[in-house]
PDB file of N, CA and C in Angstrom:
ATOM      1  N   MET A   1       0.850  -1.183   0.000  1.00  0.00           N
ATOM      2  CA  MET A   1       0.000   0.000   0.000  1.00  0.00           C
ATOM      3  C   MET A   1       0.891   1.240   0.000  1.00  0.00           C
ATOM      4  N   LEU A   2       0.405   2.312  -0.515  1.00  0.00           N
ATOM      5  CA  LEU A   2       1.180   3.534  -0.700  1.00  0.00           C
ATOM      6  C   LEU A   2       1.094   4.465   0.504  1.00  0.00           C
ATOM      7  N   ILE A   3       1.452   3.957   1.661  1.00  0.00           N
ATOM      8  CA  ILE A   3       1.385   4.764   2.876  1.00  0.00           C
ATOM      9  C   ILE A   3       2.783   4.903   3.445  1.00  0.00           C
ATOM     10  N   GLU A   4       3.147   6.140   3.712  1.00  0.00           N
ATOM     11  CA  GLU A   4       4.420   6.410   4.371  1.00  0.00           C
ATOM     12  C   GLU A   4       4.134   7.221   5.620  1.00  0.00           C
ATOM     13  N   ILE A   5       4.838   6.918   6.684  1.00  0.00           N
ATOM     14  CA  ILE A   5       4.680   7.626   7.952  1.00  0.00           C
ATOM     15  C   ILE A   5       5.812   8.634   8.074  1.00  0.00           C
ATOM     16  N   ASP A   6       5.460   9.864   8.422  1.00  0.00           N
ATOM     17  CA  ASP A   6       6.455  10.913   8.663  1.00  0.00           C
ATOM     18  C   ASP A   6       6.522  11.113  10.173  1.00  0.00           C
ATOM     19  N   PHE A   7       7.596  10.627  10.778  1.00  0.00           N
ATOM     20  CA  PHE A   7       7.723  10.687  12.221  1.00  0.00           C
ATOM     21  C   PHE A   7       8.004  12.100  12.727  1.00  0.00           C
ATOM     22  N   ARG A   8       8.274  13.024  11.824  1.00  0.00           N
ATOM     23  CA  ARG A   8       8.452  14.427  12.214  1.00  0.00           C
ATOM     24  C   ARG A   8       7.138  15.196  12.154  1.00  0.00           C
ATOM     25  N   ASP A   9       6.129  14.602  11.535  1.00  0.00           N
ATOM     26  CA  ASP A   9       4.801  15.222  11.435  1.00  0.00           C
ATOM     27  C   ASP A   9       4.211  15.346  12.833  1.00  0.00           C
ATOM     28  N   LYS A  10       3.575  16.468  13.109  1.00  0.00           N
ATOM     29  CA  LYS A  10       2.989  16.696  14.431  1.00  0.00           C
ATOM     30  C   LYS A  10       1.709  15.903  14.645  1.00  0.00           C
ATOM     31  N   ARG A  11       1.095  15.466  13.531  1.00  0.00           N
ATOM     32  CA  ARG A  11      -0.137  14.675  13.653  1.00  0.00           C
ATOM     33  C   ARG A  11       0.191  13.276  14.174  1.00  0.00           C
ATOM     34  N   PRO A  12      -0.726  12.687  14.954  1.00  0.00           N
ATOM     35  CA  PRO A  12      -0.523  11.305  15.380  1.00  0.00           C
ATOM     36  C   PRO A  12      -0.443  10.377  14.162  1.00  0.00           C
ATOM     37  N   ILE A  13       0.224   9.265  14.344  1.00  0.00           N
ATOM     38  CA  ILE A  13       0.415   8.312  13.251  1.00  0.00           C
ATOM     39  C   ILE A  13      -0.923   7.832  12.686  1.00  0.00           C
ATOM     40  N   TYR A  14      -1.889   7.555  13.560  1.00  0.00           N
ATOM     41  CA  TYR A  14      -3.167   7.047  13.055  1.00  0.00           C
ATOM     42  C   TYR A  14      -3.849   8.084  12.166  1.00  0.00           C
ATOM     43  N   GLU A  15      -3.706   9.379  12.485  1.00  0.00           N
ATOM     44  CA  GLU A  15      -4.300  10.423  11.647  1.00  0.00           C
ATOM     45  C   GLU A  15      -3.605  10.492  10.289  1.00  0.00           C
ATOM     46  N   GLN A  16      -2.295  10.253  10.261  1.00  0.00           N
ATOM     47  CA  GLN A  16      -1.579  10.229   8.988  1.00  0.00           C
ATOM     48  C   GLN A  16      -2.091   9.077   8.123  1.00  0.00           C
ATOM     49  N   ILE A  17      -2.328   7.933   8.737  1.00  0.00           N
ATOM     50  CA  ILE A  17      -2.839   6.770   8.005  1.00  0.00           C
ATOM     51  C   ILE A  17      -4.246   7.062   7.476  1.00  0.00           C
ATOM     52  N   VAL A  18      -5.092   7.618   8.324  1.00  0.00           N
ATOM     53  CA  VAL A  18      -6.460   7.972   7.910  1.00  0.00           C
ATOM     54  C   VAL A  18      -6.405   8.929   6.718  1.00  0.00           C
ATOM     55  N   GLY A  19      -5.619   9.983   6.842  1.00  0.00           N
ATOM     56  CA  GLY A  19      -5.518  10.974   5.767  1.00  0.00           C
ATOM     57  C   GLY A  19      -5.016  10.382   4.470  1.00  0.00           C
ATOM     58  N   ARG A  20      -4.018   9.518   4.565  1.00  0.00           N
ATOM     59  CA  ARG A  20      -3.449   8.929   3.346  1.00  0.00           C
ATOM     60  C   ARG A  20      -4.444   7.987   2.665  1.00  0.00           C
ATOM     61  N   ILE A  21      -5.144   7.167   3.447  1.00  0.00           N
ATOM     62  CA  ILE A  21      -6.124   6.255   2.845  1.00  0.00           C
ATOM     63  C   ILE A  21      -7.277   7.055   2.238  1.00  0.00           C
ATOM     64  N   GLU A  22      -7.726   8.096   2.931  1.00  0.00           N
ATOM     65  CA  GLU A  22      -8.776   8.957   2.365  1.00  0.00           C
ATOM     66  C   GLU A  22      -8.315   9.528   1.027  1.00  0.00           C
ATOM     67  N   ASN A  23      -7.093  10.047   0.980  1.00  0.00           N
ATOM     68  CA  ASN A  23      -6.569  10.636  -0.265  1.00  0.00           C
ATOM     69  C   ASN A  23      -6.448   9.608  -1.375  1.00  0.00           C
ATOM     70  N   LEU A  24      -6.002   8.400  -1.054  1.00  0.00           N
ATOM     71  CA  LEU A  24      -5.897   7.344  -2.065  1.00  0.00           C
ATOM     72  C   LEU A  24      -7.266   6.997  -2.633  1.00  0.00           C
ATOM     73  N   MET A  25      -8.290   7.054  -1.779  1.00  0.00           N
ATOM     74  CA  MET A  25      -9.648   6.763  -2.242  1.00  0.00           C
ATOM     75  C   MET A  25     -10.182   7.914  -3.091  1.00  0.00           C
ATOM     76  N   ILE A  26      -9.944   9.140  -2.667  1.00  0.00           N
ATOM     77  CA  ILE A  26     -10.423  10.307  -3.414  1.00  0.00           C
ATOM     78  C   ILE A  26      -9.754  10.362  -4.789  1.00  0.00           C
ATOM     79  N   GLN A  27      -8.472   9.992  -4.858  1.00  0.00           N
ATOM     80  CA  GLN A  27      -7.742  10.005  -6.126  1.00  0.00           C
ATOM     81  C   GLN A  27      -8.103   8.822  -7.015  1.00  0.00           C
ATOM     82  N   GLY A  28      -8.876   7.876  -6.492  1.00  0.00           N
ATOM     83  CA  GLY A  28      -9.288   6.721  -7.282  1.00  0.00           C
ATOM     84  C   GLY A  28      -8.275   5.599  -7.320  1.00  0.00           C
ATOM     85  N   ILE A  29      -7.220   5.704  -6.537  1.00  0.00           N
ATOM     86  CA  ILE A  29      -6.220   4.635  -6.481  1.00  0.00           C
ATOM     87  C   ILE A  29      -6.796   3.431  -5.743  1.00  0.00           C
ATOM     88  N   ILE A  30      -7.523   3.713  -4.663  1.00  0.00           N
ATOM     89  CA  ILE A  30      -8.310   2.678  -3.990  1.00  0.00           C
ATOM     90  C   ILE A  30      -9.744   2.886  -4.444  1.00  0.00           C
ATOM     91  N   LYS A  31     -10.307   1.879  -5.076  1.00  0.00           N
ATOM     92  CA  LYS A  31     -11.653   1.973  -5.649  1.00  0.00           C
ATOM     93  C   LYS A  31     -12.684   1.307  -4.734  1.00  0.00           C
ATOM     94  N   PRO A  32     -13.956   1.712  -4.871  1.00  0.00           N
ATOM     95  CA  PRO A  32     -14.998   1.072  -4.067  1.00  0.00           C
ATOM     96  C   PRO A  32     -14.960  -0.448  -4.219  1.00  0.00           C
ATOM     97  N   GLY A  33     -15.010  -1.135  -3.093  1.00  0.00           N
ATOM     98  CA  GLY A  33     -14.977  -2.591  -3.095  1.00  0.00           C
ATOM     99  C   GLY A  33     -13.587  -3.183  -2.977  1.00  0.00           C
ATOM    100  N   ASP A  34     -12.539  -2.377  -3.178  1.00  0.00           N
ATOM    101  CA  ASP A  34     -11.173  -2.883  -3.032  1.00  0.00           C
ATOM    102  C   ASP A  34     -10.932  -3.325  -1.593  1.00  0.00           C
ATOM    103  N   THR A  35     -10.151  -4.363  -1.448  1.00  0.00           N
ATOM    104  CA  THR A  35      -9.787  -4.852  -0.128  1.00  0.00           C
ATOM    105  C   THR A  35      -8.736  -3.935   0.479  1.00  0.00           C
ATOM    106  N   ILE A  36      -8.936  -3.586   1.734  1.00  0.00           N
ATOM    107  CA  ILE A  36      -7.969  -2.801   2.492  1.00  0.00           C
ATOM    108  C   ILE A  36      -7.076  -3.806   3.222  1.00  0.00           C
ATOM    109  N   PRO A  37      -5.765  -3.575   3.268  1.00  0.00           N
ATOM    110  CA  PRO A  37      -4.890  -4.539   3.954  1.00  0.00           C
ATOM    111  C   PRO A  37      -5.343  -4.804   5.391  1.00  0.00           C
ATOM    112  N   SER A  38      -5.106  -6.004   5.852  1.00  0.00           N
ATOM    113  CA  SER A  38      -5.477  -6.336   7.227  1.00  0.00           C
ATOM    114  C   SER A  38      -4.666  -5.488   8.199  1.00  0.00           C
ATOM    115  N   VAL A  39      -5.189  -5.362   9.399  1.00  0.00           N
ATOM    116  CA  VAL A  39      -4.500  -4.600  10.442  1.00  0.00           C
ATOM    117  C   VAL A  39      -3.092  -5.165  10.639  1.00  0.00           C
ATOM    118  N   ARG A  40      -3.008  -6.454  10.736  1.00  0.00           N
ATOM    119  CA  ARG A  40      -1.716  -7.098  10.999  1.00  0.00           C
ATOM    120  C   ARG A  40      -0.726  -6.867   9.859  1.00  0.00           C
ATOM    121  N   SER A  41      -1.184  -7.040   8.615  1.00  0.00           N
ATOM    122  CA  SER A  41      -0.250  -6.903   7.491  1.00  0.00           C
ATOM    123  C   SER A  41       0.222  -5.458   7.326  1.00  0.00           C
ATOM    124  N   LEU A  42      -0.683  -4.484   7.495  1.00  0.00           N
ATOM    125  CA  LEU A  42      -0.265  -3.091   7.368  1.00  0.00           C
ATOM    126  C   LEU A  42       0.643  -2.693   8.522  1.00  0.00           C
ATOM    127  N   ALA A  43       0.365  -3.209   9.717  1.00  0.00           N
ATOM    128  CA  ALA A  43       1.234  -2.920  10.867  1.00  0.00           C
ATOM    129  C   ALA A  43       2.637  -3.459  10.616  1.00  0.00           C
ATOM    130  N   MET A  44       2.727  -4.643  10.051  1.00  0.00           N
ATOM    131  CA  MET A  44       4.048  -5.215   9.756  1.00  0.00           C
ATOM    132  C   MET A  44       4.744  -4.411   8.659  1.00  0.00           C
ATOM    133  N   GLU A  45       3.989  -4.038   7.617  1.00  0.00           N
ATOM    134  CA  GLU A  45       4.565  -3.278   6.501  1.00  0.00           C
ATOM    135  C   GLU A  45       5.112  -1.929   6.956  1.00  0.00           C
ATOM    136  N   LEU A  46       4.390  -1.268   7.869  1.00  0.00           N
ATOM    137  CA  LEU A  46       4.790   0.059   8.324  1.00  0.00           C
ATOM    138  C   LEU A  46       5.650   0.012   9.593  1.00  0.00           C
ATOM    139  N   SER A  47       5.802  -1.179  10.152  1.00  0.00           N
ATOM    140  CA  SER A  47       6.564  -1.376  11.402  1.00  0.00           C
ATOM    141  C   SER A  47       6.012  -0.512  12.533  1.00  0.00           C
ATOM    142  N   ILE A  48       4.698  -0.559  12.693  1.00  0.00           N
ATOM    143  CA  ILE A  48       4.072   0.162  13.802  1.00  0.00           C
ATOM    144  C   ILE A  48       3.091  -0.769  14.518  1.00  0.00           C
ATOM    145  N   ASN A  49       2.649  -0.341  15.676  1.00  0.00           N
ATOM    146  CA  ASN A  49       1.769  -1.123  16.514  1.00  0.00           C
ATOM    147  C   ASN A  49       0.425  -1.380  15.819  1.00  0.00           C
ATOM    148  N   PRO A  50      -0.055  -2.631  15.836  1.00  0.00           N
ATOM    149  CA  PRO A  50      -1.362  -2.933  15.234  1.00  0.00           C
ATOM    150  C   PRO A  50      -2.511  -2.116  15.830  1.00  0.00           C
ATOM    151  N   ASN A  51      -2.403  -1.748  17.106  1.00  0.00           N
ATOM    152  CA  ASN A  51      -3.460  -0.933  17.723  1.00  0.00           C
ATOM    153  C   ASN A  51      -3.598   0.419  17.024  1.00  0.00           C
ATOM    154  N   THR A  52      -2.485   0.945  16.528  1.00  0.00           N
ATOM    155  CA  THR A  52      -2.512   2.215  15.800  1.00  0.00           C
ATOM    156  C   THR A  52      -3.282   2.055  14.496  1.00  0.00           C
ATOM    157  N   ILE A  53      -3.035   0.952  13.792  1.00  0.00           N
ATOM    158  CA  ILE A  53      -3.752   0.671  12.541  1.00  0.00           C
ATOM    159  C   ILE A  53      -5.235   0.476  12.843  1.00  0.00           C
ATOM    160  N   GLN A  54      -5.542  -0.261  13.905  1.00  0.00           N
ATOM    161  CA  GLN A  54      -6.934  -0.505  14.268  1.00  0.00           C
ATOM    162  C   GLN A  54      -7.653   0.805  14.577  1.00  0.00           C
ATOM    163  N   LYS A  55      -6.967   1.721  15.242  1.00  0.00           N
ATOM    164  CA  LYS A  55      -7.563   3.021  15.552  1.00  0.00           C
ATOM    165  C   LYS A  55      -7.866   3.789  14.263  1.00  0.00           C
ATOM    166  N   ALA A  56      -6.937   3.736  13.304  1.00  0.00           N
ATOM    167  CA  ALA A  56      -7.149   4.403  12.011  1.00  0.00           C
ATOM    168  C   ALA A  56      -8.323   3.765  11.268  1.00  0.00           C
ATOM    169  N   TYR A  57      -8.373   2.442  11.242  1.00  0.00           N
ATOM    170  CA  TYR A  57      -9.453   1.748  10.543  1.00  0.00           C
ATOM    171  C   TYR A  57     -10.804   2.037  11.199  1.00  0.00           C
ATOM    172  N   SER A  58     -10.827   2.101  12.519  1.00  0.00           N
ATOM    173  CA  SER A  58     -12.075   2.423  13.214  1.00  0.00           C
ATOM    174  C   SER A  58     -12.563   3.807  12.822  1.00  0.00           C
ATOM    175  N   ARG A  59     -11.643   4.749  12.730  1.00  0.00           N
ATOM    176  CA  ARG A  59     -12.002   6.121  12.339  1.00  0.00           C
ATOM    177  C   ARG A  59     -12.509   6.147  10.899  1.00  0.00           C
ATOM    178  N   LEU A  60     -11.811   5.437   9.998  1.00  0.00           N
ATOM    179  CA  LEU A  60     -12.231   5.377   8.595  1.00  0.00           C
ATOM    180  C   LEU A  60     -13.619   4.751   8.463  1.00  0.00           C
ATOM    181  N   GLU A  61     -13.873   3.728   9.265  1.00  0.00           N
ATOM    182  CA  GLU A  61     -15.184   3.079   9.209  1.00  0.00           C
ATOM    183  C   GLU A  61     -16.263   4.012   9.764  1.00  0.00           C
ATOM    184  N   LYS A  62     -15.974   4.676  10.859  1.00  0.00           N
ATOM    185  CA  LYS A  62     -16.924   5.626  11.461  1.00  0.00           C
ATOM    186  C   LYS A  62     -17.257   6.747  10.476  1.00  0.00           C
ATOM    187  N   ASP A  63     -16.252   7.204   9.725  1.00  0.00           N
ATOM    188  CA  ASP A  63     -16.448   8.303   8.772  1.00  0.00           C
ATOM    189  C   ASP A  63     -17.032   7.843   7.440  1.00  0.00           C
ATOM    190  N   GLY A  64     -17.187   6.525   7.259  1.00  0.00           N
ATOM    191  CA  GLY A  64     -17.831   6.006   6.050  1.00  0.00           C
ATOM    192  C   GLY A  64     -16.900   5.694   4.891  1.00  0.00           C
ATOM    193  N   TYR A  65     -15.590   5.703   5.128  1.00  0.00           N
ATOM    194  CA  TYR A  65     -14.645   5.428   4.050  1.00  0.00           C
ATOM    195  C   TYR A  65     -14.430   3.938   3.811  1.00  0.00           C
ATOM    196  N   ILE A  66     -14.552   3.145   4.861  1.00  0.00           N
ATOM    197  CA  ILE A  66     -14.395   1.700   4.706  1.00  0.00           C
ATOM    198  C   ILE A  66     -15.518   1.003   5.461  1.00  0.00           C
ATOM    199  N   TYR A  67     -15.700  -0.275   5.149  1.00  0.00           N
ATOM    200  CA  TYR A  67     -16.641  -1.105   5.897  1.00  0.00           C
ATOM    201  C   TYR A  67     -15.992  -2.462   6.111  1.00  0.00           C
ATOM    202  N   SER A  68     -16.390  -3.115   7.182  1.00  0.00           N
ATOM    203  CA  SER A  68     -15.817  -4.416   7.527  1.00  0.00           C
ATOM    204  C   SER A  68     -16.847  -5.514   7.322  1.00  0.00           C
ATOM    205  N   VAL A  69     -16.349  -6.654   6.872  1.00  0.00           N
ATOM    206  CA  VAL A  69     -17.175  -7.848   6.750  1.00  0.00           C
ATOM    207  C   VAL A  69     -16.533  -8.886   7.646  1.00  0.00           C
ATOM    208  N   SER A  70     -17.283  -9.352   8.617  1.00  0.00           N
ATOM    209  CA  SER A  70     -16.748 -10.294   9.591  1.00  0.00           C
ATOM    210  C   SER A  70     -16.154 -11.523   8.899  1.00  0.00           C
ATOM    211  N   GLY A  71     -14.911 -11.804   9.242  1.00  0.00           N
ATOM    212  CA  GLY A  71     -14.220 -12.963   8.679  1.00  0.00           C
ATOM    213  C   GLY A  71     -13.625 -12.746   7.301  1.00  0.00           C
ATOM    214  N   ARG A  72     -13.910 -11.608   6.662  1.00  0.00           N
ATOM    215  CA  ARG A  72     -13.394 -11.365   5.310  1.00  0.00           C
ATOM    216  C   ARG A  72     -12.440 -10.187   5.242  1.00  0.00           C
ATOM    217  N   GLY A  73     -12.619  -9.195   6.132  1.00  0.00           N
ATOM    218  CA  GLY A  73     -11.712  -8.057   6.133  1.00  0.00           C
ATOM    219  C   GLY A  73     -12.426  -6.733   5.952  1.00  0.00           C
ATOM    220  N   SER A  74     -11.637  -5.735   5.577  1.00  0.00           N
ATOM    221  CA  SER A  74     -12.161  -4.377   5.375  1.00  0.00           C
ATOM    222  C   SER A  74     -12.100  -4.020   3.899  1.00  0.00           C
ATOM    223  N   PHE A  75     -13.094  -3.247   3.468  1.00  0.00           N
ATOM    224  CA  PHE A  75     -13.223  -2.900   2.059  1.00  0.00           C
ATOM    225  C   PHE A  75     -13.505  -1.407   1.913  1.00  0.00           C
ATOM    226  N   ALA A  76     -13.113  -0.864   0.774  1.00  0.00           N
ATOM    227  CA  ALA A  76     -13.347   0.552   0.481  1.00  0.00           C
ATOM    228  C   ALA A  76     -14.815   0.769   0.139  1.00  0.00           C
ATOM    229  N   SER A  77     -15.378   1.813   0.720  1.00  0.00           N
ATOM    230  CA  SER A  77     -16.768   2.188   0.448  1.00  0.00           C
ATOM    231  C   SER A  77     -16.830   3.061  -0.798  1.00  0.00           C
ATOM    232  N   ASN A  78     -18.043   3.251  -1.304  1.00  0.00           N
ATOM    233  CA  ASN A  78     -18.266   4.234  -2.358  1.00  0.00           C
ATOM    234  C   ASN A  78     -18.350   5.589  -1.653  1.00  0.00           C
ATOM    235  N   ILE A  79     -17.388   6.461  -1.919  1.00  0.00           N
ATOM    236  CA  ILE A  79     -17.294   7.708  -1.157  1.00  0.00           C
ATOM    237  C   ILE A  79     -17.861   8.916  -1.889  1.00  0.00           C
ATOM    238  N   SER A  80     -18.570   8.695  -2.977  1.00  0.00           N
ATOM    239  CA  SER A  80     -19.076   9.833  -3.753  1.00  0.00           C
ATOM    240  C   SER A  80     -19.948  10.761  -2.904  1.00  0.00           C
ATOM    241  N   SER A  81     -20.666  10.223  -1.944  1.00  0.00           N
ATOM    242  CA  SER A  81     -21.499  11.073  -1.090  1.00  0.00           C
ATOM    243  C   SER A  81     -20.675  11.830  -0.043  1.00  0.00           C
ATOM    244  N   LEU A  82     -19.439  11.395   0.194  1.00  0.00           N
ATOM    245  CA  LEU A  82     -18.584  12.041   1.183  1.00  0.00           C
ATOM    246  C   LEU A  82     -17.771  13.201   0.600  1.00  0.00           C
ATOM    247  N   LEU A  83     -17.635  13.225  -0.721  1.00  0.00           N
ATOM    248  CA  LEU A  83     -16.777  14.232  -1.358  1.00  0.00           C
ATOM    249  C   LEU A  83     -17.220  15.674  -1.120  1.00  0.00           C
ATOM    250  N   PRO A  84     -18.508  16.009  -1.189  1.00  0.00           N
ATOM    251  CA  PRO A  84     -18.883  17.408  -0.916  1.00  0.00           C
ATOM    252  C   PRO A  84     -18.445  17.883   0.473  1.00  0.00           C
ATOM    253  N   GLY A  85     -18.566  17.023   1.471  1.00  0.00           N
ATOM    254  CA  GLY A  85     -18.132  17.380   2.816  1.00  0.00           C
ATOM    255  C   GLY A  85     -16.630  17.568   2.900  1.00  0.00           C
ATOM    256  N   LYS A  86     -15.894  16.700   2.209  1.00  0.00           N
ATOM    257  CA  LYS A  86     -14.431  16.799   2.196  1.00  0.00           C
ATOM    258  C   LYS A  86     -13.998  18.088   1.499  1.00  0.00           C
ATOM    259  N   LYS A  87     -14.668  18.423   0.387  1.00  0.00           N
ATOM    260  CA  LYS A  87     -14.353  19.672  -0.319  1.00  0.00           C
ATOM    261  C   LYS A  87     -14.621  20.873   0.572  1.00  0.00           C
ATOM    262  N   GLN A  88     -15.709  20.824   1.338  1.00  0.00           N
ATOM    263  CA  GLN A  88     -16.032  21.935   2.236  1.00  0.00           C
ATOM    264  C   GLN A  88     -14.971  22.079   3.327  1.00  0.00           C
ATOM    265  N   GLU A  89     -14.445  20.962   3.822  1.00  0.00           N
ATOM    266  CA  GLU A  89     -13.359  21.009   4.811  1.00  0.00           C
ATOM    267  C   GLU A  89     -12.149  21.747   4.236  1.00  0.00           C
ATOM    268  N   VAL A  90     -11.801  21.430   2.997  1.00  0.00           N
ATOM    269  CA  VAL A  90     -10.661  22.076   2.343  1.00  0.00           C
ATOM    270  C   VAL A  90     -10.923  23.564   2.167  1.00  0.00           C
ATOM    271  N   LEU A  91     -12.129  23.910   1.734  1.00  0.00           N
ATOM    272  CA  LEU A  91     -12.472  25.323   1.560  1.00  0.00           C
ATOM    273  C   LEU A  91     -12.431  26.085   2.884  1.00  0.00           C
ATOM    274  N   ASP A  92     -12.861  25.440   3.959  1.00  0.00           N
ATOM    275  CA  ASP A  92     -12.803  26.073   5.275  1.00  0.00           C
ATOM    276  C   ASP A  92     -11.354  26.339   5.691  1.00  0.00           C
ATOM    277  N   LYS A  93     -10.477  25.361   5.428  1.00  0.00           N
ATOM    278  CA  LYS A  93      -9.051  25.554   5.733  1.00  0.00           C
ATOM    279  C   LYS A  93      -8.468  26.682   4.887  1.00  0.00           C
ATOM    280  N   LEU A  94      -8.850  26.695   3.614  1.00  0.00           N
ATOM    281  CA  LEU A  94      -8.355  27.739   2.712  1.00  0.00           C
ATOM    282  C   LEU A  94      -8.819  29.118   3.179  1.00  0.00           C
ATOM    283  N   LYS A  95     -10.045  29.199   3.634  1.00  0.00           N
ATOM    284  CA  LYS A  95     -10.564  30.471   4.141  1.00  0.00           C
ATOM    285  C   LYS A  95      -9.718  30.959   5.310  1.00  0.00           C
ATOM    286  N   ASP A  96      -9.402  30.046   6.238  1.00  0.00           N
ATOM    287  CA  ASP A  96      -8.572  30.413   7.388  1.00  0.00           C
ATOM    288  C   ASP A  96      -7.191  30.905   6.940  1.00  0.00           C
ATOM    289  N   ILE A  97      -6.622  30.246   5.945  1.00  0.00           N
ATOM    290  CA  ILE A  97      -5.302  30.637   5.442  1.00  0.00           C
ATOM    291  C   ILE A  97      -5.372  32.003   4.765  1.00  0.00           C
ATOM    292  N   VAL A  98      -6.420  32.222   3.970  1.00  0.00           N
ATOM    293  CA  VAL A  98      -6.569  33.516   3.289  1.00  0.00           C
ATOM    294  C   VAL A  98      -6.735  34.638   4.311  1.00  0.00           C
ATOM    295  N   LEU A  99      -7.516  34.398   5.350  1.00  0.00           N
ATOM    296  CA  LEU A  99      -7.686  35.410   6.395  1.00  0.00           C
ATOM    297  C   LEU A  99      -6.361  35.691   7.107  1.00  0.00           C
ATOM    298  N   GLU A 100      -5.608  34.649   7.392  1.00  0.00           N
ATOM    299  CA  GLU A 100      -4.301  34.819   8.029  1.00  0.00           C
ATOM    300  C   GLU A 100      -3.348  35.587   7.118  1.00  0.00           C
ATOM    301  N   ALA A 101      -3.358  35.261   5.830  1.00  0.00           N
ATOM    302  CA  ALA A 101      -2.511  35.966   4.861  1.00  0.00           C
ATOM    303  C   ALA A 101      -2.900  37.434   4.791  1.00  0.00           C
ATOM    304  N   SER A 102      -4.188  37.708   4.816  1.00  0.00           N
ATOM    305  CA  SER A 102      -4.669  39.086   4.791  1.00  0.00           C
ATOM    306  C   SER A 102      -4.214  39.844   6.035  1.00  0.00           C
ATOM    307  N   ASP A 103      -4.243  39.162   7.173  1.00  0.00           N
ATOM    308  CA  ASP A 103      -3.831  39.782   8.431  1.00  0.00           C
ATOM    309  C   ASP A 103      -2.366  40.214   8.420  1.00  0.00           C
ATOM    310  N   ILE A 104      -1.540  39.507   7.656  1.00  0.00           N
ATOM    311  CA  ILE A 104      -0.117  39.880   7.622  1.00  0.00           C
ATOM    312  C   ILE A 104       0.220  40.754   6.413  1.00  0.00           C
ATOM    313  N   GLY A 105      -0.819  41.158   5.690  1.00  0.00           N
ATOM    314  CA  GLY A 105      -0.616  42.119   4.616  1.00  0.00           C
ATOM    315  C   GLY A 105      -0.386  41.556   3.232  1.00  0.00           C
ATOM    316  N   MET A 106      -0.634  40.259   3.033  1.00  0.00           N
ATOM    317  CA  MET A 106      -0.490  39.696   1.691  1.00  0.00           C
ATOM    318  C   MET A 106      -1.639  40.201   0.821  1.00  0.00           C
ATOM    319  N   GLU A 107      -1.319  40.508  -0.406  1.00  0.00           N
ATOM    320  CA  GLU A 107      -2.306  41.001  -1.357  1.00  0.00           C
ATOM    321  C   GLU A 107      -2.972  39.838  -2.095  1.00  0.00           C
ATOM    322  N   LYS A 108      -4.174  40.081  -2.570  1.00  0.00           N
ATOM    323  CA  LYS A 108      -4.951  39.095  -3.313  1.00  0.00           C
ATOM    324  C   LYS A 108      -4.164  38.576  -4.516  1.00  0.00           C
ATOM    325  N   ASP A 109      -3.542  39.488  -5.269  1.00  0.00           N
ATOM    326  CA  ASP A 109      -2.785  39.094  -6.461  1.00  0.00           C
ATOM    327  C   ASP A 109      -1.632  38.163  -6.111  1.00  0.00           C
ATOM    328  N   GLU A 110      -1.006  38.416  -4.979  1.00  0.00           N
ATOM    329  CA  GLU A 110       0.109  37.581  -4.533  1.00  0.00           C
ATOM    330  C   GLU A 110      -0.373  36.159  -4.231  1.00  0.00           C
ATOM    331  N   LEU A 111      -1.509  36.048  -3.575  1.00  0.00           N
ATOM    332  CA  LEU A 111      -2.071  34.742  -3.285  1.00  0.00           C
ATOM    333  C   LEU A 111      -2.482  34.008  -4.558  1.00  0.00           C
ATOM    334  N   ILE A 112      -3.145  34.729  -5.453  1.00  0.00           N
ATOM    335  CA  ILE A 112      -3.600  34.113  -6.697  1.00  0.00           C
ATOM    336  C   ILE A 112      -2.404  33.638  -7.525  1.00  0.00           C
ATOM    337  N   LYS A 113      -1.359  34.437  -7.572  1.00  0.00           N
ATOM    338  CA  LYS A 113      -0.153  34.051  -8.302  1.00  0.00           C
ATOM    339  C   LYS A 113       0.445  32.771  -7.717  1.00  0.00           C
ATOM    340  N   TYR A 114       0.520  32.715  -6.405  1.00  0.00           N
ATOM    341  CA  TYR A 114       1.081  31.533  -5.744  1.00  0.00           C
ATOM    342  C   TYR A 114       0.242  30.300  -6.041  1.00  0.00           C
ATOM    343  N   ILE A 115      -1.075  30.439  -5.931  1.00  0.00           N
ATOM    344  CA  ILE A 115      -1.961  29.299  -6.195  1.00  0.00           C
ATOM    345  C   ILE A 115      -1.811  28.859  -7.649  1.00  0.00           C
ATOM    346  N   GLY A 116      -1.703  29.801  -8.569  1.00  0.00           N
ATOM    347  CA  GLY A 116      -1.511  29.477  -9.977  1.00  0.00           C
ATOM    348  C   GLY A 116      -0.219  28.731 -10.239  1.00  0.00           C
ATOM    349  N   GLU A 117       0.819  29.043  -9.493  1.00  0.00           N
ATOM    350  CA  GLU A 117       2.107  28.375  -9.648  1.00  0.00           C
ATOM    351  C   GLU A 117       2.084  26.944  -9.134  1.00  0.00           C
ATOM    352  N   MET A 118       1.193  26.703  -8.206  1.00  0.00           N
ATOM    353  CA  MET A 118       1.115  25.359  -7.626  1.00  0.00           C
ATOM    354  C   MET A 118       0.445  24.419  -8.587  1.00  0.00           C
TER     355      MET A 118
END
């Protein structure tokens, strides 16, 4: 699986895993119905505690990104209904950043130029 842990990141490891799996699903790399690696196998692959993986999977399931089938494992959900909420989260973060940039005197053109370069 395409998950890397950044031990310098201030976010807890389980949040990094949640974010990465969400992004892989949004990008279409993980498709609805795809099998998600077992807790044990992903813990071994990432060399981290299985409880951390279980916490991430529980959060993903609670948020509707994955579902579990007893005895079979975890699978990716169809997240099309979750995308509007995720987009709104990003827009809310962007709003906070724009307000902060405005507070320090950044001009609209400067922000637009930067976004265009990205």
